Amino acid sequence: VQLVESGGGLVQPGGSLRLSCAASGFAFSSNDMNWYRQTPGKEREFVAAISRGGLNRNYAEFAKGRFIISRDNAKKMVYLQMNSLKPEDTAVYYCKVPLGIGYWGQGTQVSVSS
């Protein structure tokens, strides 16, 4: 199983970023996919989830109305569109497949600062 995140960077408050996660090594279209995030000294926290077919999506309260999770099963990709970013969204964002013990990517840093 391999998950590779990309798309992080530095953005000003109010800006947008689109994170991508490229998946391989497992039956991507048969699995739900998740995004999490973590800041130093804090537990990794759930951001969003999408069902294997893409019809069902769940969001953390802080993400509702600002973030959108999506997937492309043909490309084995999952995305996180983040809008109206705030400084408190600064974190390392991880892609996860809740398969077996759970597999994580290496993360991509998102920094929101003026």
Protein backbone atom coordinates (compact mmCIF):
# COMPACT_ATOMS: atom_id res chain seq x y z
CA VAL A 1 0.00 0.00 0.00
CA GLN A 2 1.34 3.41 -0.93
CA LEU A 3 -0.24 6.81 -0.44
CA VAL A 4 1.51 9.94 -1.66
CA GLU A 5 0.13 13.37 -0.77
CA SER A 6 0.91 16.57 -2.62
CA GLY A 7 -0.38 20.08 -3.04
CA GLY A 8 0.51 21.61 0.29
CA GLY A 9 2.20 24.96 0.64
CA LEU A 10 2.01 28.45 2.07
CA VAL A 11 -1.20 30.38 1.52
CA GLN A 12 -2.65 33.59 2.91
CA PRO A 13 -5.73 33.55 5.12
CA GLY A 14 -8.83 33.31 2.98
CA GLY A 15 -6.97 31.49 0.26
CA SER A 16 -7.45 28.01 -1.18
CA LEU A 17 -5.43 24.87 -1.71
CA ARG A 18 -6.17 21.56 -3.31
CA LEU A 19 -4.46 18.55 -1.82
CA SER A 20 -4.04 15.34 -3.78
CA CYS A 21 -3.35 11.79 -2.70
CA ALA A 22 -2.14 9.19 -5.17
CA ALA A 23 -2.93 5.62 -4.10
CA SER A 24 -1.47 2.32 -5.18
CA GLY A 25 -1.05 -1.24 -3.98
CA PHE A 26 -4.63 -1.96 -3.01
CA ALA A 27 -8.12 -2.05 -4.48
CA PHE A 28 -8.70 1.68 -4.39
CA SER A 29 -12.28 1.71 -5.67
CA SER A 30 -13.30 -0.80 -2.97
CA ASN A 31 -12.19 1.33 -0.06
CA ASP A 32 -13.29 4.43 1.75
CA MET A 33 -10.64 7.14 1.97
CA ASN A 34 -9.90 9.68 4.67
CA TRP A 35 -8.01 12.90 5.24
CA TYR A 36 -6.52 13.74 8.63
CA ARG A 37 -4.31 16.51 9.90
CA GLN A 38 -1.84 17.03 12.71
CA THR A 39 -0.14 19.97 14.36
CA PRO A 40 2.89 19.68 16.66
CA GLY A 41 1.95 18.52 20.13
CA LYS A 42 -1.56 17.52 19.15
CA GLU A 43 -3.27 14.29 18.24
CA ARG A 44 -3.90 13.60 14.60
CA GLU A 45 -7.47 14.66 13.87
CA PHE A 46 -10.05 13.61 11.36
CA VAL A 47 -10.81 16.04 8.55
CA ALA A 48 -12.99 14.27 5.99
CA ALA A 49 -13.99 10.89 4.62
CA ILE A 50 -15.43 9.68 1.36
CA SER A 51 -17.05 6.35 0.62
CA ARG A 52 -15.66 4.04 -2.01
CA GLY A 53 -18.17 5.15 -4.63
CA GLY A 54 -17.93 8.79 -3.67
CA LEU A 55 -21.59 9.18 -2.78
CA ASN A 56 -21.17 9.55 0.98
CA ARG A 57 -18.93 12.20 2.53
CA ASN A 58 -18.34 13.14 6.13
CA TYR A 59 -16.56 16.17 7.51
CA ALA A 60 -15.22 17.36 10.80
CA GLU A 61 -17.16 20.32 12.11
CA PHE A 62 -14.34 22.72 11.31
CA ALA A 63 -14.28 21.52 7.70
CA LYS A 64 -17.96 21.78 6.92
CA GLY A 65 -18.73 24.46 4.37
CA ARG A 66 -15.06 25.10 3.60
CA PHE A 67 -13.48 21.78 2.57
CA ILE A 68 -14.60 19.34 -0.09
CA ILE A 69 -13.36 15.77 -0.38
CA SER A 70 -13.57 14.02 -3.72
CA ARG A 71 -12.09 11.06 -5.53
CA ASP A 72 -11.35 9.74 -8.99
CA ASN A 73 -11.42 5.95 -8.92
CA ALA A 74 -10.11 5.66 -12.47
CA LYS A 75 -6.99 7.62 -11.49
CA LYS A 76 -6.80 6.20 -7.96
CA MET A 77 -6.73 9.70 -6.55
CA VAL A 78 -8.42 11.39 -3.63
CA TYR A 79 -8.54 15.16 -3.23
CA LEU A 80 -9.20 17.72 -0.56
CA GLN A 81 -10.25 21.15 -1.79
CA MET A 82 -9.72 23.64 1.02
CA ASN A 83 -11.27 27.09 0.79
CA SER A 84 -11.44 30.08 3.11
CA LEU A 85 -8.33 28.86 4.87
CA LYS A 86 -7.57 30.10 8.35
CA PRO A 87 -4.28 30.20 10.30
CA GLU A 88 -5.63 27.41 12.52
CA ASP A 89 -5.78 25.15 9.46
CA THR A 90 -1.99 25.09 9.49
CA ALA A 91 -0.99 21.43 9.85
CA VAL A 92 0.46 18.43 8.11
CA TYR A 93 -2.35 16.80 6.15
CA TYR A 94 -2.41 13.03 5.73
CA CYS A 95 -4.27 10.70 3.46
CA LYS A 96 -5.41 7.43 5.01
CA VAL A 97 -7.00 4.23 3.82
CA PRO A 98 -8.86 2.51 6.68
CA LEU A 99 -7.85 -0.91 5.43
CA GLY A 100 -6.73 -3.48 7.97
CA ILE A 101 -4.50 -1.65 10.44
CA GLY A 102 -4.82 1.51 8.38
CA TYR A 103 -2.23 2.97 6.05
CA TRP A 104 -1.01 6.55 5.94
CA GLY A 105 0.84 8.71 3.50
CA GLN A 106 3.87 10.78 4.47
CA GLY A 107 1.83 13.98 4.74
CA THR A 108 1.93 17.37 3.09
CA GLN A 109 2.48 20.61 4.98
CA VAL A 110 -0.16 23.33 4.77
CA SER A 111 0.73 26.71 6.23
CA VAL A 112 -1.77 29.55 6.40
CA SER A 113 -0.16 32.85 7.22
CA SER A 114 -0.02 36.43 6.06
